[in-house]
PDB file of N, CA and C in Angstrom:
ATOM      1  N   MET A   1    -136.515 -81.935  57.052  1.00  0.00           N
ATOM      2  CA  MET A   1    -136.053 -81.084  57.865  1.00  0.00           C
ATOM      3  C   MET A   1    -134.746 -80.305  57.332  1.00  0.00           C
ATOM      4  N   PRO A   2    -134.752 -78.951  57.361  1.00  0.00           N
ATOM      5  CA  PRO A   2    -133.361 -78.273  56.886  1.00  0.00           C
ATOM      6  C   PRO A   2    -132.267 -78.533  57.764  1.00  0.00           C
ATOM      7  N   ILE A   3    -131.087 -78.555  57.421  1.00  0.00           N
ATOM      8  CA  ILE A   3    -129.928 -78.637  58.116  1.00  0.00           C
ATOM      9  C   ILE A   3    -129.532 -77.611  59.318  1.00  0.00           C
ATOM     10  N   ARG A   4    -130.432 -76.562  58.972  1.00  0.00           N
ATOM     11  CA  ARG A   4    -130.195 -75.254  60.036  1.00  0.00           C
ATOM     12  C   ARG A   4    -131.091 -75.872  61.626  1.00  0.00           C
ATOM     13  N   GLN A   5    -132.079 -76.442  61.423  1.00  0.00           N
ATOM     14  CA  GLN A   5    -132.800 -77.343  62.308  1.00  0.00           C
ATOM     15  C   GLN A   5    -132.321 -78.132  63.134  1.00  0.00           C
ATOM     16  N   MET A   6    -131.425 -79.118  62.096  1.00  0.00           N
ATOM     17  CA  MET A   6    -130.528 -80.074  63.026  1.00  0.00           C
ATOM     18  C   MET A   6    -129.457 -79.507  63.668  1.00  0.00           C
ATOM     19  N   LEU A   7    -128.761 -78.445  63.205  1.00  0.00           N
ATOM     20  CA  LEU A   7    -127.714 -77.914  63.820  1.00  0.00           C
ATOM     21  C   LEU A   7    -128.181 -77.272  65.042  1.00  0.00           C
ATOM     22  N   LYS A   8    -129.209 -76.702  65.076  1.00  0.00           N
ATOM     23  CA  LYS A   8    -129.676 -75.913  66.283  1.00  0.00           C
ATOM     24  C   LYS A   8    -130.205 -76.996  67.270  1.00  0.00           C
ATOM     25  N   ASP A   9    -130.607 -78.206  66.952  1.00  0.00           N
ATOM     26  CA  ASP A   9    -130.955 -79.098  67.665  1.00  0.00           C
ATOM     27  C   ASP A   9    -129.662 -79.909  68.632  1.00  0.00           C
ATOM     28  N   THR A  10    -128.724 -80.087  67.821  1.00  0.00           N
ATOM     29  CA  THR A  10    -127.512 -80.837  67.993  1.00  0.00           C
ATOM     30  C   THR A  10    -126.144 -80.158  68.304  1.00  0.00           C
ATOM     31  N   TYR A  11    -126.001 -78.919  67.625  1.00  0.00           N
ATOM     32  CA  TYR A  11    -124.735 -78.465  67.692  1.00  0.00           C
ATOM     33  C   TYR A  11    -124.435 -76.966  67.672  1.00  0.00           C
ATOM     34  N   ALA A  12    -123.979 -76.484  68.828  1.00  0.00           N
ATOM     35  CA  ALA A  12    -123.964 -74.921  69.028  1.00  0.00           C
ATOM     36  C   ALA A  12    -122.909 -74.563  67.996  1.00  0.00           C
ATOM     37  N   LEU A  13    -123.368 -73.646  67.134  1.00  0.00           N
ATOM     38  CA  LEU A  13    -122.392 -72.905  66.428  1.00  0.00           C
ATOM     39  C   LEU A  13    -122.578 -71.427  66.132  1.00  0.00           C
ATOM     40  N   ASP A  14    -121.374 -70.784  65.742  1.00  0.00           N
ATOM     41  CA  ASP A  14    -121.723 -69.395  65.534  1.00  0.00           C
ATOM     42  C   ASP A  14    -122.172 -69.258  64.235  1.00  0.00           C
ATOM     43  N   PRO A  15    -122.995 -67.947  63.858  1.00  0.00           N
ATOM     44  CA  PRO A  15    -123.785 -67.863  62.705  1.00  0.00           C
ATOM     45  C   PRO A  15    -122.707 -68.070  61.360  1.00  0.00           C
ATOM     46  N   ASP A  16    -121.560 -67.822  61.566  1.00  0.00           N
ATOM     47  CA  ASP A  16    -120.744 -68.038  60.221  1.00  0.00           C
ATOM     48  C   ASP A  16    -120.582 -69.304  59.933  1.00  0.00           C
ATOM     49  N   ARG A  17    -120.466 -70.151  60.865  1.00  0.00           N
ATOM     50  CA  ARG A  17    -120.288 -71.827  60.774  1.00  0.00           C
ATOM     51  C   ARG A  17    -121.506 -72.451  60.339  1.00  0.00           C
ATOM     52  N   VAL A  18    -122.933 -71.758  61.026  1.00  0.00           N
ATOM     53  CA  VAL A  18    -124.221 -72.418  60.521  1.00  0.00           C
ATOM     54  C   VAL A  18    -124.051 -72.178  58.756  1.00  0.00           C
ATOM     55  N   VAL A  19    -123.698 -70.889  58.371  1.00  0.00           N
ATOM     56  CA  VAL A  19    -123.722 -70.589  56.972  1.00  0.00           C
ATOM     57  C   VAL A  19    -123.005 -71.609  56.144  1.00  0.00           C
ATOM     58  N   GLN A  20    -121.892 -71.773  56.684  1.00  0.00           N
ATOM     59  CA  GLN A  20    -120.919 -72.724  56.061  1.00  0.00           C
ATOM     60  C   GLN A  20    -121.332 -74.125  55.788  1.00  0.00           C
ATOM     61  N   LEU A  21    -121.841 -74.582  56.833  1.00  0.00           N
ATOM     62  CA  LEU A  21    -122.451 -76.125  56.887  1.00  0.00           C
ATOM     63  C   LEU A  21    -123.862 -76.055  55.893  1.00  0.00           C
ATOM     64  N   THR A  22    -124.536 -75.185  56.079  1.00  0.00           N
ATOM     65  CA  THR A  22    -125.773 -74.855  55.039  1.00  0.00           C
ATOM     66  C   THR A  22    -125.155 -74.788  53.719  1.00  0.00           C
ATOM     67  N   ALA A  23    -124.267 -73.947  53.131  1.00  0.00           N
ATOM     68  CA  ALA A  23    -123.782 -74.254  52.142  1.00  0.00           C
ATOM     69  C   ALA A  23    -123.448 -75.440  51.685  1.00  0.00           C
ATOM     70  N   ALA A  24    -122.456 -76.146  52.669  1.00  0.00           N
ATOM     71  CA  ALA A  24    -122.135 -77.543  52.147  1.00  0.00           C
ATOM     72  C   ALA A  24    -123.185 -78.699  51.896  1.00  0.00           C
ATOM     73  N   PHE A  25    -124.350 -78.339  52.553  1.00  0.00           N
ATOM     74  CA  PHE A  25    -125.468 -79.058  52.515  1.00  0.00           C
ATOM     75  C   PHE A  25    -126.201 -79.017  51.092  1.00  0.00           C
ATOM     76  N   GLU A  26    -126.324 -77.475  50.794  1.00  0.00           N
ATOM     77  CA  GLU A  26    -127.053 -77.357  49.434  1.00  0.00           C
ATOM     78  C   GLU A  26    -126.164 -77.753  48.436  1.00  0.00           C
ATOM     79  N   ASP A  27    -125.016 -77.734  48.399  1.00  0.00           N
ATOM     80  CA  ASP A  27    -123.872 -78.181  47.444  1.00  0.00           C
ATOM     81  C   ASP A  27    -124.221 -79.543  47.396  1.00  0.00           C
ATOM     82  N   ALA A  28    -124.091 -80.411  48.280  1.00  0.00           N
ATOM     83  CA  ALA A  28    -124.338 -81.681  48.222  1.00  0.00           C
ATOM     84  C   ALA A  28    -125.540 -82.194  47.364  1.00  0.00           C
ATOM     85  N   LEU A  29    -126.768 -81.410  47.929  1.00  0.00           N
ATOM     86  CA  LEU A  29    -127.894 -81.814  47.285  1.00  0.00           C
ATOM     87  C   LEU A  29    -127.797 -81.459  46.090  1.00  0.00           C
ATOM     88  N   GLN A  30    -127.365 -80.267  45.520  1.00  0.00           N
ATOM     89  CA  GLN A  30    -127.168 -80.215  44.139  1.00  0.00           C
ATOM     90  C   GLN A  30    -126.241 -81.078  43.200  1.00  0.00           C
ATOM     91  N   LYS A  31    -125.180 -81.557  43.840  1.00  0.00           N
ATOM     92  CA  LYS A  31    -124.435 -82.404  43.374  1.00  0.00           C
ATOM     93  C   LYS A  31    -125.287 -83.903  43.074  1.00  0.00           C
ATOM     94  N   MET A  32    -126.124 -84.148  44.036  1.00  0.00           N
ATOM     95  CA  MET A  32    -126.827 -85.317  43.980  1.00  0.00           C
ATOM     96  C   MET A  32    -128.077 -85.347  43.024  1.00  0.00           C
ATOM     97  N   GLY A  33    -128.416 -84.059  42.695  1.00  0.00           N
ATOM     98  CA  GLY A  33    -129.414 -83.902  41.715  1.00  0.00           C
ATOM     99  C   GLY A  33    -130.951 -84.117  42.541  1.00  0.00           C
ATOM    100  N   SER A  34    -130.823 -83.718  43.843  1.00  0.00           N
ATOM    101  CA  SER A  34    -131.970 -83.745  44.697  1.00  0.00           C
ATOM    102  C   SER A  34    -132.012 -82.390  45.399  1.00  0.00           C
ATOM    103  N   VAL A  35    -133.282 -81.843  45.604  1.00  0.00           N
ATOM    104  CA  VAL A  35    -133.691 -80.424  46.112  1.00  0.00           C
ATOM    105  C   VAL A  35    -134.504 -81.009  47.422  1.00  0.00           C
ATOM    106  N   LYS A  36    -135.313 -82.103  47.664  1.00  0.00           N
ATOM    107  CA  LYS A  36    -136.168 -82.572  48.479  1.00  0.00           C
ATOM    108  C   LYS A  36    -135.565 -82.463  50.040  1.00  0.00           C
ATOM    109  N   ARG A  37    -135.777 -81.519  50.936  1.00  0.00           N
ATOM    110  CA  ARG A  37    -135.082 -81.627  51.974  1.00  0.00           C
ATOM    111  C   ARG A  37    -135.494 -82.571  53.045  1.00  0.00           C
ATOM    112  N   ASP A  38    -136.584 -83.195  52.929  1.00  0.00           N
ATOM    113  CA  ASP A  38    -137.420 -84.022  53.734  1.00  0.00           C
ATOM    114  C   ASP A  38    -136.874 -85.605  53.347  1.00  0.00           C
ATOM    115  N   ASP A  39    -136.194 -85.707  52.137  1.00  0.00           N
ATOM    116  CA  ASP A  39    -135.834 -86.936  51.620  1.00  0.00           C
ATOM    117  C   ASP A  39    -134.742 -87.697  52.479  1.00  0.00           C
ATOM    118  N   PRO A  40    -135.034 -89.080  52.759  1.00  0.00           N
ATOM    119  CA  PRO A  40    -134.015 -89.565  53.712  1.00  0.00           C
ATOM    120  C   PRO A  40    -132.522 -89.540  53.595  1.00  0.00           C
ATOM    121  N   ALA A  41    -132.294 -89.418  52.239  1.00  0.00           N
ATOM    122  CA  ALA A  41    -130.895 -89.386  51.757  1.00  0.00           C
ATOM    123  C   ALA A  41    -130.195 -87.774  51.942  1.00  0.00           C
ATOM    124  N   ALA A  42    -131.155 -86.922  52.005  1.00  0.00           N
ATOM    125  CA  ALA A  42    -130.808 -85.397  52.431  1.00  0.00           C
ATOM    126  C   ALA A  42    -130.723 -85.294  53.528  1.00  0.00           C
ATOM    127  N   LEU A  43    -131.406 -86.124  54.500  1.00  0.00           N
ATOM    128  CA  LEU A  43    -131.221 -86.088  56.045  1.00  0.00           C
ATOM    129  C   LEU A  43    -129.698 -86.763  56.291  1.00  0.00           C
ATOM    130  N   ALA A  44    -129.729 -87.884  55.883  1.00  0.00           N
ATOM    131  CA  ALA A  44    -128.476 -88.587  55.848  1.00  0.00           C
ATOM    132  C   ALA A  44    -126.989 -87.538  55.496  1.00  0.00           C
ATOM    133  N   VAL A  45    -127.324 -86.904  54.537  1.00  0.00           N
ATOM    134  CA  VAL A  45    -126.099 -85.971  54.154  1.00  0.00           C
ATOM    135  C   VAL A  45    -125.860 -84.991  55.280  1.00  0.00           C
ATOM    136  N   ALA A  46    -126.982 -84.451  55.494  1.00  0.00           N
ATOM    137  CA  ALA A  46    -126.934 -83.285  56.630  1.00  0.00           C
ATOM    138  C   ALA A  46    -126.274 -84.146  58.145  1.00  0.00           C
ATOM    139  N   ARG A  47    -126.596 -85.404  58.309  1.00  0.00           N
ATOM    140  CA  ARG A  47    -125.968 -86.088  59.540  1.00  0.00           C
ATOM    141  C   ARG A  47    -124.438 -85.665  59.191  1.00  0.00           C
ATOM    142  N   HIS A  48    -124.078 -86.547  58.007  1.00  0.00           N
ATOM    143  CA  HIS A  48    -122.721 -86.798  57.567  1.00  0.00           C
ATOM    144  C   HIS A  48    -121.831 -85.437  57.711  1.00  0.00           C
ATOM    145  N   ILE A  49    -122.675 -84.319  57.074  1.00  0.00           N
ATOM    146  CA  ILE A  49    -121.784 -83.166  57.356  1.00  0.00           C
ATOM    147  C   ILE A  49    -121.762 -82.479  58.496  1.00  0.00           C
ATOM    148  N   ILE A  50    -122.666 -82.713  59.653  1.00  0.00           N
ATOM    149  CA  ILE A  50    -122.442 -82.437  60.961  1.00  0.00           C
ATOM    150  C   ILE A  50    -121.372 -83.178  61.463  1.00  0.00           C
ATOM    151  N   GLU A  51    -121.203 -84.453  61.335  1.00  0.00           N
ATOM    152  CA  GLU A  51    -120.183 -85.296  61.845  1.00  0.00           C
ATOM    153  C   GLU A  51    -118.933 -85.042  61.411  1.00  0.00           C
ATOM    154  N   LEU A  52    -118.813 -84.537  60.120  1.00  0.00           N
ATOM    155  CA  LEU A  52    -117.416 -84.274  59.579  1.00  0.00           C
ATOM    156  C   LEU A  52    -117.098 -82.935  60.216  1.00  0.00           C
ATOM    157  N   ALA A  53    -118.080 -82.038  60.463  1.00  0.00           N
ATOM    158  CA  ALA A  53    -117.683 -80.690  61.006  1.00  0.00           C
ATOM    159  C   ALA A  53    -117.454 -80.959  62.569  1.00  0.00           C
ATOM    160  N   LYS A  54    -117.997 -81.929  63.181  1.00  0.00           N
ATOM    161  CA  LYS A  54    -117.531 -82.341  64.604  1.00  0.00           C
ATOM    162  C   LYS A  54    -116.229 -82.859  64.602  1.00  0.00           C
ATOM    163  N   GLN A  55    -115.783 -83.425  63.620  1.00  0.00           N
ATOM    164  CA  GLN A  55    -114.521 -84.158  63.561  1.00  0.00           C
ATOM    165  C   GLN A  55    -113.376 -82.884  63.037  1.00  0.00           C
ATOM    166  N   GLY A  56    -113.701 -81.746  62.737  1.00  0.00           N
ATOM    167  CA  GLY A  56    -112.853 -80.899  62.625  1.00  0.00           C
ATOM    168  C   GLY A  56    -112.780 -80.146  61.132  1.00  0.00           C
ATOM    169  N   GLU A  57    -113.560 -80.913  60.250  1.00  0.00           N
ATOM    170  CA  GLU A  57    -113.433 -80.416  58.879  1.00  0.00           C
ATOM    171  C   GLU A  57    -113.947 -78.746  58.651  1.00  0.00           C
ATOM    172  N   THR A  58    -113.267 -78.058  57.894  1.00  0.00           N
ATOM    173  CA  THR A  58    -113.843 -76.679  57.861  1.00  0.00           C
ATOM    174  C   THR A  58    -113.901 -76.149  56.376  1.00  0.00           C
ATOM    175  N   ASP A  59    -113.501 -77.146  55.596  1.00  0.00           N
ATOM    176  CA  ASP A  59    -113.757 -76.748  54.304  1.00  0.00           C
ATOM    177  C   ASP A  59    -115.125 -77.208  53.643  1.00  0.00           C
ATOM    178  N   THR A  60    -115.931 -76.167  52.925  1.00  0.00           N
ATOM    179  CA  THR A  60    -117.257 -76.434  52.287  1.00  0.00           C
ATOM    180  C   THR A  60    -117.194 -77.383  51.484  1.00  0.00           C
ATOM    181  N   ALA A  61    -116.335 -77.523  50.552  1.00  0.00           N
ATOM    182  CA  ALA A  61    -116.305 -78.442  49.355  1.00  0.00           C
ATOM    183  C   ALA A  61    -115.974 -79.897  49.971  1.00  0.00           C
ATOM    184  N   ARG A  62    -115.106 -79.997  50.929  1.00  0.00           N
ATOM    185  CA  ARG A  62    -114.698 -81.328  51.734  1.00  0.00           C
ATOM    186  C   ARG A  62    -115.802 -81.835  52.425  1.00  0.00           C
ATOM    187  N   LEU A  63    -116.426 -80.896  52.972  1.00  0.00           N
ATOM    188  CA  LEU A  63    -117.876 -81.184  53.803  1.00  0.00           C
ATOM    189  C   LEU A  63    -118.810 -81.856  52.919  1.00  0.00           C
ATOM    190  N   SER A  64    -119.215 -81.251  51.963  1.00  0.00           N
ATOM    191  CA  SER A  64    -120.088 -81.629  50.948  1.00  0.00           C
ATOM    192  C   SER A  64    -119.620 -82.931  50.185  1.00  0.00           C
ATOM    193  N   ASP A  65    -118.401 -83.054  49.733  1.00  0.00           N
ATOM    194  CA  ASP A  65    -118.046 -84.127  48.933  1.00  0.00           C
ATOM    195  C   ASP A  65    -117.998 -85.251  49.965  1.00  0.00           C
ATOM    196  N   GLY A  66    -117.175 -85.289  51.060  1.00  0.00           N
ATOM    197  CA  GLY A  66    -117.182 -85.999  52.271  1.00  0.00           C
ATOM    198  C   GLY A  66    -118.530 -86.922  52.570  1.00  0.00           C
ATOM    199  N   ALA A  67    -119.395 -85.972  52.945  1.00  0.00           N
ATOM    200  CA  ALA A  67    -120.893 -86.354  53.092  1.00  0.00           C
ATOM    201  C   ALA A  67    -121.351 -87.088  52.016  1.00  0.00           C
ATOM    202  N   ILE A  68    -121.154 -86.985  50.744  1.00  0.00           N
ATOM    203  CA  ILE A  68    -121.894 -87.648  49.562  1.00  0.00           C
ATOM    204  C   ILE A  68    -121.021 -88.905  49.694  1.00  0.00           C
ATOM    205  N   ALA A  69    -119.664 -89.026  49.947  1.00  0.00           N
ATOM    206  CA  ALA A  69    -118.801 -90.174  49.754  1.00  0.00           C
ATOM    207  C   ALA A  69    -119.419 -91.263  50.935  1.00  0.00           C
ATOM    208  N   ARG A  70    -119.541 -90.534  52.257  1.00  0.00           N
ATOM    209  CA  ARG A  70    -120.324 -91.528  53.350  1.00  0.00           C
ATOM    210  C   ARG A  70    -121.620 -91.959  53.113  1.00  0.00           C
ATOM    211  N   LEU A  71    -122.419 -91.317  52.284  1.00  0.00           N
ATOM    212  CA  LEU A  71    -123.756 -91.740  51.921  1.00  0.00           C
ATOM    213  C   LEU A  71    -123.566 -92.911  51.069  1.00  0.00           C
ATOM    214  N   ALA A  72    -122.680 -92.930  50.132  1.00  0.00           N
ATOM    215  CA  ALA A  72    -122.417 -93.881  49.084  1.00  0.00           C
ATOM    216  C   ALA A  72    -121.729 -95.043  49.755  1.00  0.00           C
ATOM    217  N   ALA A  73    -121.167 -94.914  50.846  1.00  0.00           N
ATOM    218  CA  ALA A  73    -120.413 -96.001  51.306  1.00  0.00           C
ATOM    219  C   ALA A  73    -121.584 -96.631  52.402  1.00  0.00           C
ATOM    220  N   SER A  74    -122.375 -96.160  52.832  1.00  0.00           N
ATOM    221  CA  SER A  74    -123.194 -96.635  53.850  1.00  0.00           C
ATOM    222  C   SER A  74    -124.395 -97.013  52.997  1.00  0.00           C
ATOM    223  N   GLY A  75    -124.685 -96.680  52.262  1.00  0.00           N
ATOM    224  CA  GLY A  75    -125.865 -97.100  51.442  1.00  0.00           C
ATOM    225  C   GLY A  75    -127.054 -96.655  51.851  1.00  0.00           C
ATOM    226  N   THR A  76    -127.183 -95.316  52.679  1.00  0.00           N
ATOM    227  CA  THR A  76    -128.187 -94.866  53.352  1.00  0.00           C
ATOM    228  C   THR A  76    -128.259 -93.287  52.778  1.00  0.00           C
TER     229      THR A  76
END
């Protein structure tokens, strides 16, 4: 499931913010060497990015890196 669908289902955002979170998601997947959007790790990264955004993070690189760090820490 692409992050855009998750955002639509869980989080009301302006279009620019959706673009930013999608960019963070794509960046994280690239850093992980993964391109499969339906992989459980990709879905976990998307959830982590959404959670970080809800906590107020606005920097695309910090969203990406933070999601990867959370994924590594959680083991999911």
